[in-house]
Amino acid sequence: MMMDSLRRLLLLVLFCLLQALVFNRIRIDHCIMPLFYVYFAIIFPRNYPKWASLLWAFLMGLGIDAFSNTPGLASASMTLVAFVQPYLLELFLPRDAEENIKCSAKSLGTGNFVALASILVIIYCVVFFTLESFSFFNWLNWLESIGGSAVLTLILVFTFESVRK
C-alpha cells in the first residue's frame, strides 16, 4: 500500500508539473487546451477504495487549480470523474476479469479502453467548461471548448497509453 501511495504521489506531482509548465501554454483558438491530467483518474484499478480514488482525484484537481488559477474547477471535475470511473469501468470489463485488474488498453482491450477514456474525458470537459463559463450565453464557444479540448486530451491519453508498459 505504501509503494502504491508513493507511486501515485509521484504521478500526481509529475502530471501537475506537466500541465502547469507545458500543457497550460498550449492554447488553440483561445479556448482549446489539453487537459492531460484527467488520465490520472482514468487509470485507477478495479477494486481501488472509492474514498482513496476520490481523495487522490481531489488532490490532483487542487494542484491543478493552484497552478492554473481555476479556483475549484479542476477539483470538482476530477472528483466527479473519480466518482463515476469505477461504475463505468465495470461496464467495460470482461465477465471473467480478475478482482484488482488495472485499467489500461492492454488489460481492457483497445476498444473498451478507448470507449471508457472517451466517456470520462467528455464528462470531465463538459463539467469543467460548464463551471468555467457558468452560463450558456456564448454556447458556440462552450461547445468548441468541450469538443476541441476533449479531442486534444484524448489524443494525448491514447499516445501516452500506447507507450506505457
N, C-alpha and C. Protein backbone atom coordinates (compact mmCIF):
# COMPACT_ATOMS: atom_id res chain seq x y z
N MET A 1 0.82 -1.20 0.00
CA MET A 1 0.00 0.00 0.00
C MET A 1 0.87 1.26 0.00
N MET A 2 1.97 1.21 0.74
CA MET A 2 2.85 2.37 0.82
C MET A 2 3.51 2.66 -0.53
N MET A 3 3.91 1.61 -1.24
CA MET A 3 4.52 1.82 -2.55
C MET A 3 3.51 2.37 -3.55
N ASP A 4 2.27 1.91 -3.47
CA ASP A 4 1.23 2.42 -4.35
C ASP A 4 0.98 3.90 -4.08
N SER A 5 0.93 4.27 -2.81
CA SER A 5 0.71 5.67 -2.45
C SER A 5 1.87 6.54 -2.92
N LEU A 6 3.08 6.04 -2.78
CA LEU A 6 4.25 6.79 -3.24
C LEU A 6 4.24 6.95 -4.76
N ARG A 7 3.88 5.87 -5.46
CA ARG A 7 3.80 5.93 -6.92
C ARG A 7 2.72 6.91 -7.37
N ARG A 8 1.58 6.91 -6.71
CA ARG A 8 0.50 7.85 -7.05
C ARG A 8 0.90 9.29 -6.75
N LEU A 9 1.62 9.49 -5.66
CA LEU A 9 2.09 10.83 -5.33
C LEU A 9 3.07 11.33 -6.38
N LEU A 10 3.96 10.48 -6.84
CA LEU A 10 4.89 10.87 -7.89
C LEU A 10 4.16 11.18 -9.20
N LEU A 11 3.15 10.36 -9.54
CA LEU A 11 2.34 10.63 -10.73
C LEU A 11 1.59 11.96 -10.59
N LEU A 12 1.06 12.22 -9.40
CA LEU A 12 0.34 13.47 -9.15
C LEU A 12 1.25 14.67 -9.39
N VAL A 13 2.44 14.62 -8.82
CA VAL A 13 3.39 15.72 -8.98
C VAL A 13 3.81 15.85 -10.44
N LEU A 14 4.09 14.74 -11.09
CA LEU A 14 4.51 14.76 -12.49
C LEU A 14 3.41 15.35 -13.39
N PHE A 15 2.17 14.91 -13.21
CA PHE A 15 1.07 15.40 -14.04
C PHE A 15 0.79 16.87 -13.76
N CYS A 16 0.88 17.29 -12.50
CA CYS A 16 0.67 18.71 -12.18
C CYS A 16 1.74 19.57 -12.84
N LEU A 17 2.99 19.13 -12.77
CA LEU A 17 4.08 19.89 -13.39
C LEU A 17 3.95 19.91 -14.90
N LEU A 18 3.61 18.77 -15.50
CA LEU A 18 3.42 18.73 -16.96
C LEU A 18 2.31 19.69 -17.39
N GLN A 19 1.20 19.68 -16.65
CA GLN A 19 0.09 20.55 -17.01
C GLN A 19 0.48 22.02 -16.82
N ALA A 20 1.11 22.33 -15.70
CA ALA A 20 1.43 23.72 -15.39
C ALA A 20 2.52 24.29 -16.30
N LEU A 21 3.53 23.49 -16.58
CA LEU A 21 4.66 24.01 -17.32
C LEU A 21 4.57 23.83 -18.83
N VAL A 22 3.82 22.83 -19.29
CA VAL A 22 3.78 22.55 -20.72
C VAL A 22 2.37 22.76 -21.29
N PHE A 23 1.42 21.99 -20.80
CA PHE A 23 0.10 21.96 -21.44
C PHE A 23 -0.73 23.22 -21.23
N ASN A 24 -0.52 23.94 -20.14
CA ASN A 24 -1.26 25.20 -19.96
C ASN A 24 -0.82 26.28 -20.95
N ARG A 25 0.34 26.11 -21.54
CA ARG A 25 0.84 27.07 -22.52
C ARG A 25 0.31 26.79 -23.93
N ILE A 26 -0.29 25.64 -24.11
CA ILE A 26 -0.84 25.28 -25.42
C ILE A 26 -2.31 25.70 -25.47
N ARG A 27 -2.59 26.68 -26.27
CA ARG A 27 -3.97 27.15 -26.46
C ARG A 27 -4.21 27.27 -27.95
N ILE A 28 -5.28 26.67 -28.39
CA ILE A 28 -5.68 26.75 -29.79
C ILE A 28 -6.97 27.55 -29.85
N ASP A 29 -6.96 28.63 -30.59
CA ASP A 29 -8.13 29.49 -30.76
C ASP A 29 -8.64 30.04 -29.42
N HIS A 30 -7.74 30.24 -28.46
CA HIS A 30 -8.03 30.83 -27.16
C HIS A 30 -9.04 30.05 -26.32
N CYS A 31 -9.39 28.84 -26.70
CA CYS A 31 -10.35 28.09 -25.87
C CYS A 31 -10.05 26.60 -25.81
N ILE A 32 -9.28 26.07 -26.74
CA ILE A 32 -8.99 24.64 -26.76
C ILE A 32 -7.63 24.41 -26.11
N MET A 33 -7.62 23.55 -25.09
CA MET A 33 -6.36 23.24 -24.41
C MET A 33 -6.35 21.78 -23.97
N PRO A 34 -5.18 21.16 -23.94
CA PRO A 34 -5.11 19.77 -23.48
C PRO A 34 -5.25 19.70 -21.96
N LEU A 35 -6.05 18.78 -21.50
CA LEU A 35 -6.26 18.57 -20.07
C LEU A 35 -5.80 17.15 -19.72
N PHE A 36 -4.53 16.90 -19.90
CA PHE A 36 -3.97 15.56 -19.81
C PHE A 36 -4.11 14.94 -18.43
N TYR A 37 -4.15 15.72 -17.37
CA TYR A 37 -4.17 15.21 -16.01
C TYR A 37 -5.40 14.36 -15.70
N VAL A 38 -6.44 14.41 -16.53
CA VAL A 38 -7.61 13.57 -16.30
C VAL A 38 -7.25 12.08 -16.44
N TYR A 39 -6.16 11.80 -17.12
CA TYR A 39 -5.65 10.43 -17.24
C TYR A 39 -5.38 9.82 -15.87
N PHE A 40 -5.02 10.66 -14.91
CA PHE A 40 -4.75 10.21 -13.54
C PHE A 40 -5.98 9.52 -12.95
N ALA A 41 -7.16 10.03 -13.22
CA ALA A 41 -8.40 9.44 -12.69
C ALA A 41 -8.87 8.26 -13.53
N ILE A 42 -8.47 8.20 -14.77
CA ILE A 42 -8.90 7.11 -15.64
C ILE A 42 -8.24 5.80 -15.26
N ILE A 43 -7.00 5.82 -14.79
CA ILE A 43 -6.22 4.60 -14.61
C ILE A 43 -6.34 3.96 -13.23
N PHE A 44 -7.29 4.35 -12.41
CA PHE A 44 -7.47 3.68 -11.12
C PHE A 44 -7.87 2.22 -11.35
N PRO A 45 -7.28 1.27 -10.60
CA PRO A 45 -7.63 -0.14 -10.78
C PRO A 45 -9.06 -0.45 -10.31
N ARG A 46 -9.49 -1.66 -10.58
CA ARG A 46 -10.88 -2.06 -10.34
C ARG A 46 -11.30 -1.94 -8.89
N ASN A 47 -10.64 -2.58 -7.98
CA ASN A 47 -11.07 -2.59 -6.58
C ASN A 47 -10.31 -1.59 -5.72
N TYR A 48 -9.90 -0.50 -6.32
CA TYR A 48 -9.24 0.56 -5.54
C TYR A 48 -10.29 1.20 -4.65
N PRO A 49 -9.99 1.48 -3.38
CA PRO A 49 -11.01 2.06 -2.50
C PRO A 49 -11.57 3.37 -3.06
N LYS A 50 -12.88 3.47 -3.05
CA LYS A 50 -13.53 4.64 -3.64
C LYS A 50 -13.14 5.93 -2.92
N TRP A 51 -13.02 5.87 -1.60
CA TRP A 51 -12.64 7.06 -0.86
C TRP A 51 -11.23 7.51 -1.25
N ALA A 52 -10.35 6.54 -1.51
CA ALA A 52 -8.97 6.89 -1.88
C ALA A 52 -8.92 7.49 -3.28
N SER A 53 -9.69 6.93 -4.21
CA SER A 53 -9.69 7.50 -5.56
C SER A 53 -10.29 8.90 -5.56
N LEU A 54 -11.33 9.13 -4.76
CA LEU A 54 -11.89 10.48 -4.65
C LEU A 54 -10.89 11.45 -4.05
N LEU A 55 -10.17 11.00 -3.03
CA LEU A 55 -9.17 11.85 -2.38
C LEU A 55 -8.02 12.18 -3.33
N TRP A 56 -7.51 11.16 -4.03
CA TRP A 56 -6.41 11.40 -4.97
C TRP A 56 -6.84 12.33 -6.10
N ALA A 57 -8.04 12.12 -6.62
CA ALA A 57 -8.52 12.97 -7.72
C ALA A 57 -8.73 14.40 -7.23
N PHE A 58 -9.26 14.54 -6.03
CA PHE A 58 -9.44 15.89 -5.49
C PHE A 58 -8.10 16.59 -5.30
N LEU A 59 -7.10 15.86 -4.79
CA LEU A 59 -5.77 16.46 -4.61
C LEU A 59 -5.15 16.84 -5.94
N MET A 60 -5.35 16.00 -6.96
CA MET A 60 -4.85 16.34 -8.29
C MET A 60 -5.53 17.62 -8.79
N GLY A 61 -6.84 17.68 -8.65
CA GLY A 61 -7.58 18.87 -9.07
C GLY A 61 -7.15 20.11 -8.29
N LEU A 62 -6.90 19.93 -7.01
CA LEU A 62 -6.46 21.06 -6.18
C LEU A 62 -5.10 21.57 -6.64
N GLY A 63 -4.19 20.65 -6.98
CA GLY A 63 -2.89 21.07 -7.50
C GLY A 63 -3.02 21.80 -8.83
N ILE A 64 -3.87 21.30 -9.71
CA ILE A 64 -4.08 21.95 -11.00
C ILE A 64 -4.73 23.32 -10.79
N ASP A 65 -5.70 23.40 -9.88
CA ASP A 65 -6.34 24.69 -9.60
C ASP A 65 -5.33 25.71 -9.08
N ALA A 66 -4.41 25.27 -8.25
CA ALA A 66 -3.41 26.18 -7.70
C ALA A 66 -2.47 26.70 -8.79
N PHE A 67 -2.07 25.82 -9.71
CA PHE A 67 -1.15 26.22 -10.77
C PHE A 67 -1.83 26.96 -11.91
N SER A 68 -3.10 26.69 -12.15
CA SER A 68 -3.78 27.22 -13.33
C SER A 68 -4.72 28.38 -13.04
N ASN A 69 -4.86 28.75 -11.79
CA ASN A 69 -5.74 29.85 -11.40
C ASN A 69 -7.19 29.57 -11.83
N THR A 70 -7.64 28.36 -11.57
CA THR A 70 -9.02 27.97 -11.85
C THR A 70 -9.62 27.48 -10.53
N PRO A 71 -10.06 28.39 -9.67
CA PRO A 71 -10.44 28.00 -8.31
C PRO A 71 -11.62 27.02 -8.27
N GLY A 72 -11.31 25.78 -7.96
CA GLY A 72 -12.33 24.76 -7.76
C GLY A 72 -12.80 24.04 -9.00
N LEU A 73 -12.47 24.52 -10.19
CA LEU A 73 -12.97 23.88 -11.41
C LEU A 73 -12.39 22.49 -11.60
N ALA A 74 -11.08 22.37 -11.55
CA ALA A 74 -10.45 21.08 -11.75
C ALA A 74 -10.75 20.14 -10.59
N SER A 75 -10.82 20.66 -9.38
CA SER A 75 -11.12 19.82 -8.22
C SER A 75 -12.49 19.18 -8.33
N ALA A 76 -13.48 19.97 -8.65
CA ALA A 76 -14.84 19.45 -8.78
C ALA A 76 -14.94 18.47 -9.94
N SER A 77 -14.35 18.80 -11.06
CA SER A 77 -14.43 17.94 -12.24
C SER A 77 -13.69 16.63 -12.03
N MET A 78 -12.51 16.69 -11.45
CA MET A 78 -11.74 15.47 -11.20
C MET A 78 -12.43 14.57 -10.18
N THR A 79 -13.03 15.17 -9.16
CA THR A 79 -13.73 14.38 -8.16
C THR A 79 -14.92 13.67 -8.78
N LEU A 80 -15.64 14.34 -9.66
CA LEU A 80 -16.77 13.70 -10.34
C LEU A 80 -16.30 12.55 -11.22
N VAL A 81 -15.23 12.74 -11.96
CA VAL A 81 -14.70 11.68 -12.82
C VAL A 81 -14.25 10.49 -11.98
N ALA A 82 -13.60 10.74 -10.84
CA ALA A 82 -13.18 9.64 -9.98
C ALA A 82 -14.38 8.93 -9.36
N PHE A 83 -15.46 9.64 -9.15
CA PHE A 83 -16.68 9.03 -8.61
C PHE A 83 -17.34 8.12 -9.65
N VAL A 84 -17.35 8.53 -10.90
CA VAL A 84 -18.03 7.80 -11.97
C VAL A 84 -17.18 6.66 -12.52
N GLN A 85 -15.85 6.78 -12.45
CA GLN A 85 -14.94 5.83 -13.10
C GLN A 85 -15.16 4.38 -12.69
N PRO A 86 -15.33 4.02 -11.40
CA PRO A 86 -15.50 2.60 -11.07
C PRO A 86 -16.77 1.99 -11.67
N TYR A 87 -17.83 2.77 -11.75
CA TYR A 87 -19.08 2.26 -12.29
C TYR A 87 -18.99 2.07 -13.80
N LEU A 88 -18.35 3.00 -14.48
CA LEU A 88 -18.16 2.84 -15.92
C LEU A 88 -17.17 1.71 -16.23
N LEU A 89 -16.15 1.57 -15.40
CA LEU A 89 -15.16 0.52 -15.60
C LEU A 89 -15.82 -0.85 -15.56
N GLU A 90 -16.78 -1.05 -14.67
CA GLU A 90 -17.48 -2.33 -14.58
C GLU A 90 -18.22 -2.66 -15.87
N LEU A 91 -18.68 -1.64 -16.59
CA LEU A 91 -19.38 -1.88 -17.85
C LEU A 91 -18.47 -2.40 -18.95
N PHE A 92 -17.20 -2.04 -18.89
CA PHE A 92 -16.26 -2.38 -19.95
C PHE A 92 -15.35 -3.57 -19.62
N LEU A 93 -15.46 -4.10 -18.42
CA LEU A 93 -14.63 -5.25 -18.05
C LEU A 93 -15.23 -6.54 -18.57
N PRO A 94 -14.38 -7.50 -18.94
CA PRO A 94 -14.89 -8.83 -19.27
C PRO A 94 -15.48 -9.50 -18.02
N ARG A 95 -16.38 -10.41 -18.20
CA ARG A 95 -17.04 -11.07 -17.06
C ARG A 95 -16.06 -11.84 -16.18
N ASP A 96 -15.04 -12.40 -16.77
CA ASP A 96 -14.10 -13.21 -16.00
C ASP A 96 -12.84 -12.42 -15.60
N ALA A 97 -12.97 -11.12 -15.49
CA ALA A 97 -11.80 -10.29 -15.13
C ALA A 97 -11.44 -10.49 -13.67
N GLU A 98 -10.15 -10.39 -13.39
CA GLU A 98 -9.70 -10.54 -12.01
C GLU A 98 -10.14 -9.34 -11.16
N GLU A 99 -10.06 -9.52 -9.85
CA GLU A 99 -10.61 -8.53 -8.93
C GLU A 99 -9.89 -7.18 -8.95
N ASN A 100 -8.58 -7.18 -9.01
CA ASN A 100 -7.84 -5.91 -8.99
C ASN A 100 -7.13 -5.68 -10.33
N ILE A 101 -7.88 -5.72 -11.39
CA ILE A 101 -7.36 -5.50 -12.73
C ILE A 101 -7.03 -4.02 -12.91
N LYS A 102 -5.91 -3.75 -13.56
CA LYS A 102 -5.53 -2.37 -13.82
C LYS A 102 -6.26 -1.86 -15.06
N CYS A 103 -6.60 -0.61 -15.04
CA CYS A 103 -7.31 -0.01 -16.16
C CYS A 103 -6.29 0.45 -17.20
N SER A 104 -6.18 -0.32 -18.28
CA SER A 104 -5.26 0.02 -19.36
C SER A 104 -5.78 -0.60 -20.64
N ALA A 105 -5.22 -0.17 -21.75
CA ALA A 105 -5.62 -0.72 -23.05
C ALA A 105 -5.22 -2.19 -23.15
N LYS A 106 -4.16 -2.56 -22.49
CA LYS A 106 -3.70 -3.95 -22.53
C LYS A 106 -4.66 -4.88 -21.79
N SER A 107 -5.14 -4.45 -20.63
CA SER A 107 -6.00 -5.32 -19.82
C SER A 107 -7.47 -5.27 -20.25
N LEU A 108 -7.94 -4.12 -20.70
CA LEU A 108 -9.34 -3.99 -21.10
C LEU A 108 -9.57 -4.32 -22.57
N GLY A 109 -8.54 -4.20 -23.35
CA GLY A 109 -8.69 -4.27 -24.80
C GLY A 109 -8.74 -2.84 -25.32
N THR A 110 -8.22 -2.64 -26.49
CA THR A 110 -8.11 -1.28 -27.02
C THR A 110 -9.47 -0.61 -27.19
N GLY A 111 -10.43 -1.32 -27.75
CA GLY A 111 -11.74 -0.73 -27.99
C GLY A 111 -12.44 -0.32 -26.70
N ASN A 112 -12.39 -1.20 -25.69
CA ASN A 112 -13.02 -0.87 -24.41
C ASN A 112 -12.32 0.29 -23.71
N PHE A 113 -10.99 0.31 -23.79
CA PHE A 113 -10.27 1.41 -23.16
C PHE A 113 -10.56 2.74 -23.86
N VAL A 114 -10.63 2.71 -25.19
CA VAL A 114 -10.95 3.93 -25.94
C VAL A 114 -12.34 4.43 -25.55
N ALA A 115 -13.30 3.53 -25.45
CA ALA A 115 -14.65 3.93 -25.07
C ALA A 115 -14.71 4.49 -23.66
N LEU A 116 -14.07 3.81 -22.71
CA LEU A 116 -14.06 4.27 -21.32
C LEU A 116 -13.38 5.62 -21.19
N ALA A 117 -12.19 5.75 -21.77
CA ALA A 117 -11.45 7.02 -21.69
C ALA A 117 -12.22 8.15 -22.37
N SER A 118 -12.85 7.86 -23.49
CA SER A 118 -13.61 8.90 -24.20
C SER A 118 -14.77 9.40 -23.35
N ILE A 119 -15.51 8.49 -22.75
CA ILE A 119 -16.64 8.89 -21.91
C ILE A 119 -16.17 9.73 -20.73
N LEU A 120 -15.11 9.28 -20.06
CA LEU A 120 -14.63 10.01 -18.89
C LEU A 120 -14.06 11.39 -19.26
N VAL A 121 -13.35 11.47 -20.36
CA VAL A 121 -12.80 12.76 -20.79
C VAL A 121 -13.92 13.72 -21.19
N ILE A 122 -14.92 13.21 -21.87
CA ILE A 122 -16.05 14.08 -22.25
C ILE A 122 -16.80 14.56 -21.01
N ILE A 123 -17.02 13.67 -20.04
CA ILE A 123 -17.67 14.10 -18.79
C ILE A 123 -16.84 15.18 -18.12
N TYR A 124 -15.52 14.96 -18.07
CA TYR A 124 -14.65 15.95 -17.45
C TYR A 124 -14.74 17.29 -18.16
N CYS A 125 -14.63 17.29 -19.48
CA CYS A 125 -14.65 18.54 -20.24
C CYS A 125 -15.99 19.26 -20.12
N VAL A 126 -17.09 18.52 -20.14
CA VAL A 126 -18.41 19.16 -20.01
C VAL A 126 -18.53 19.84 -18.66
N VAL A 127 -18.15 19.14 -17.59
CA VAL A 127 -18.26 19.73 -16.25
C VAL A 127 -17.29 20.90 -16.10
N PHE A 128 -16.05 20.73 -16.53
CA PHE A 128 -15.04 21.77 -16.38
C PHE A 128 -15.44 23.06 -17.10
N PHE A 129 -15.82 22.94 -18.37
CA PHE A 129 -16.13 24.15 -19.14
C PHE A 129 -17.50 24.73 -18.81
N THR A 130 -18.41 23.90 -18.32
CA THR A 130 -19.68 24.44 -17.85
C THR A 130 -19.48 25.27 -16.59
N LEU A 131 -18.68 24.75 -15.66
CA LEU A 131 -18.38 25.54 -14.46
C LEU A 131 -17.57 26.78 -14.79
N GLU A 132 -16.70 26.69 -15.77
CA GLU A 132 -15.87 27.84 -16.14
C GLU A 132 -16.71 28.96 -16.75
N SER A 133 -17.59 28.61 -17.66
CA SER A 133 -18.39 29.65 -18.31
C SER A 133 -19.56 30.08 -17.43
N PHE A 134 -20.14 29.16 -16.69
CA PHE A 134 -21.24 29.39 -15.76
C PHE A 134 -22.45 30.06 -16.40
N SER A 135 -22.51 30.01 -17.72
CA SER A 135 -23.69 30.48 -18.45
C SER A 135 -23.63 29.88 -19.85
N PHE A 136 -24.75 29.92 -20.53
CA PHE A 136 -24.79 29.42 -21.90
C PHE A 136 -24.98 30.57 -22.87
N PHE A 137 -24.49 31.75 -22.49
CA PHE A 137 -24.62 32.93 -23.34
C PHE A 137 -23.85 32.74 -24.64
N ASN A 138 -22.62 32.29 -24.54
CA ASN A 138 -21.78 32.05 -25.71
C ASN A 138 -21.63 30.54 -25.89
N TRP A 139 -22.70 29.87 -26.25
CA TRP A 139 -22.73 28.42 -26.28
C TRP A 139 -21.88 27.82 -27.39
N LEU A 140 -21.65 28.54 -28.47
CA LEU A 140 -20.76 28.01 -29.51
C LEU A 140 -19.32 27.91 -29.02
N ASN A 141 -18.88 28.91 -28.29
CA ASN A 141 -17.54 28.87 -27.68
C ASN A 141 -17.46 27.74 -26.66
N TRP A 142 -18.54 27.55 -25.91
CA TRP A 142 -18.61 26.48 -24.92
C TRP A 142 -18.49 25.11 -25.59
N LEU A 143 -19.23 24.89 -26.66
CA LEU A 143 -19.17 23.62 -27.40
C LEU A 143 -17.80 23.41 -28.05
N GLU A 144 -17.23 24.48 -28.58
CA GLU A 144 -15.91 24.39 -29.18
C GLU A 144 -14.86 24.03 -28.13
N SER A 145 -14.98 24.62 -26.96
CA SER A 145 -14.03 24.31 -25.88
C SER A 145 -14.15 22.85 -25.46
N ILE A 146 -15.37 22.36 -25.31
CA ILE A 146 -15.57 20.97 -24.89
C ILE A 146 -15.06 20.01 -25.96
N GLY A 147 -15.51 20.19 -27.19
CA GLY A 147 -15.13 19.27 -28.26
C GLY A 147 -13.65 19.29 -28.57
N GLY A 148 -13.09 20.48 -28.72
CA GLY A 148 -11.67 20.58 -29.05
C GLY A 148 -10.77 20.09 -27.95
N SER A 149 -11.08 20.46 -26.71
CA SER A 149 -10.26 20.02 -25.59
C SER A 149 -10.38 18.52 -25.38
N ALA A 150 -11.57 17.97 -25.58
CA ALA A 150 -11.75 16.52 -25.42
C ALA A 150 -10.94 15.77 -26.47
N VAL A 151 -10.97 16.22 -27.71
CA VAL A 151 -10.22 15.55 -28.77
C VAL A 151 -8.72 15.65 -28.51
N LEU A 152 -8.24 16.83 -28.16
CA LEU A 152 -6.82 17.02 -27.88
C LEU A 152 -6.37 16.19 -26.68
N THR A 153 -7.18 16.15 -25.64
CA THR A 153 -6.87 15.37 -24.46
C THR A 153 -6.85 13.87 -24.78
N LEU A 154 -7.82 13.42 -25.56
CA LEU A 154 -7.86 12.00 -25.92
C LEU A 154 -6.66 11.59 -26.76
N ILE A 155 -6.22 12.47 -27.64
CA ILE A 155 -5.02 12.17 -28.43
C ILE A 155 -3.82 11.98 -27.50
N LEU A 156 -3.68 12.86 -26.51
CA LEU A 156 -2.57 12.73 -25.55
C LEU A 156 -2.70 11.47 -24.70
N VAL A 157 -3.91 11.17 -24.24
CA VAL A 157 -4.14 9.99 -23.40
C VAL A 157 -3.81 8.72 -24.19
N PHE A 158 -4.28 8.62 -25.41
CA PHE A 158 -4.03 7.41 -26.20
C PHE A 158 -2.56 7.30 -26.59
N THR A 159 -1.91 8.41 -26.82
CA THR A 159 -0.47 8.39 -27.11
C THR A 159 0.31 7.91 -25.90
N PHE A 160 -0.02 8.44 -24.74
CA PHE A 160 0.67 8.02 -23.52
C PHE A 160 0.38 6.56 -23.20
N GLU A 161 -0.86 6.14 -23.41
CA GLU A 161 -1.23 4.76 -23.13
C GLU A 161 -0.52 3.78 -24.07
N SER A 162 -0.26 4.20 -25.29
CA SER A 162 0.40 3.31 -26.24
C SER A 162 1.88 3.10 -25.90
N VAL A 163 2.50 4.03 -25.19
CA VAL A 163 3.90 3.86 -24.81
C VAL A 163 4.07 3.37 -23.37
N ARG A 164 2.98 3.30 -22.63
CA ARG A 164 3.03 2.83 -21.24
C ARG A 164 3.24 1.33 -21.20
N LYS A 165 3.93 0.85 -20.20
CA LYS A 165 4.22 -0.59 -20.08
C LYS A 165 2.97 -1.34 -19.70
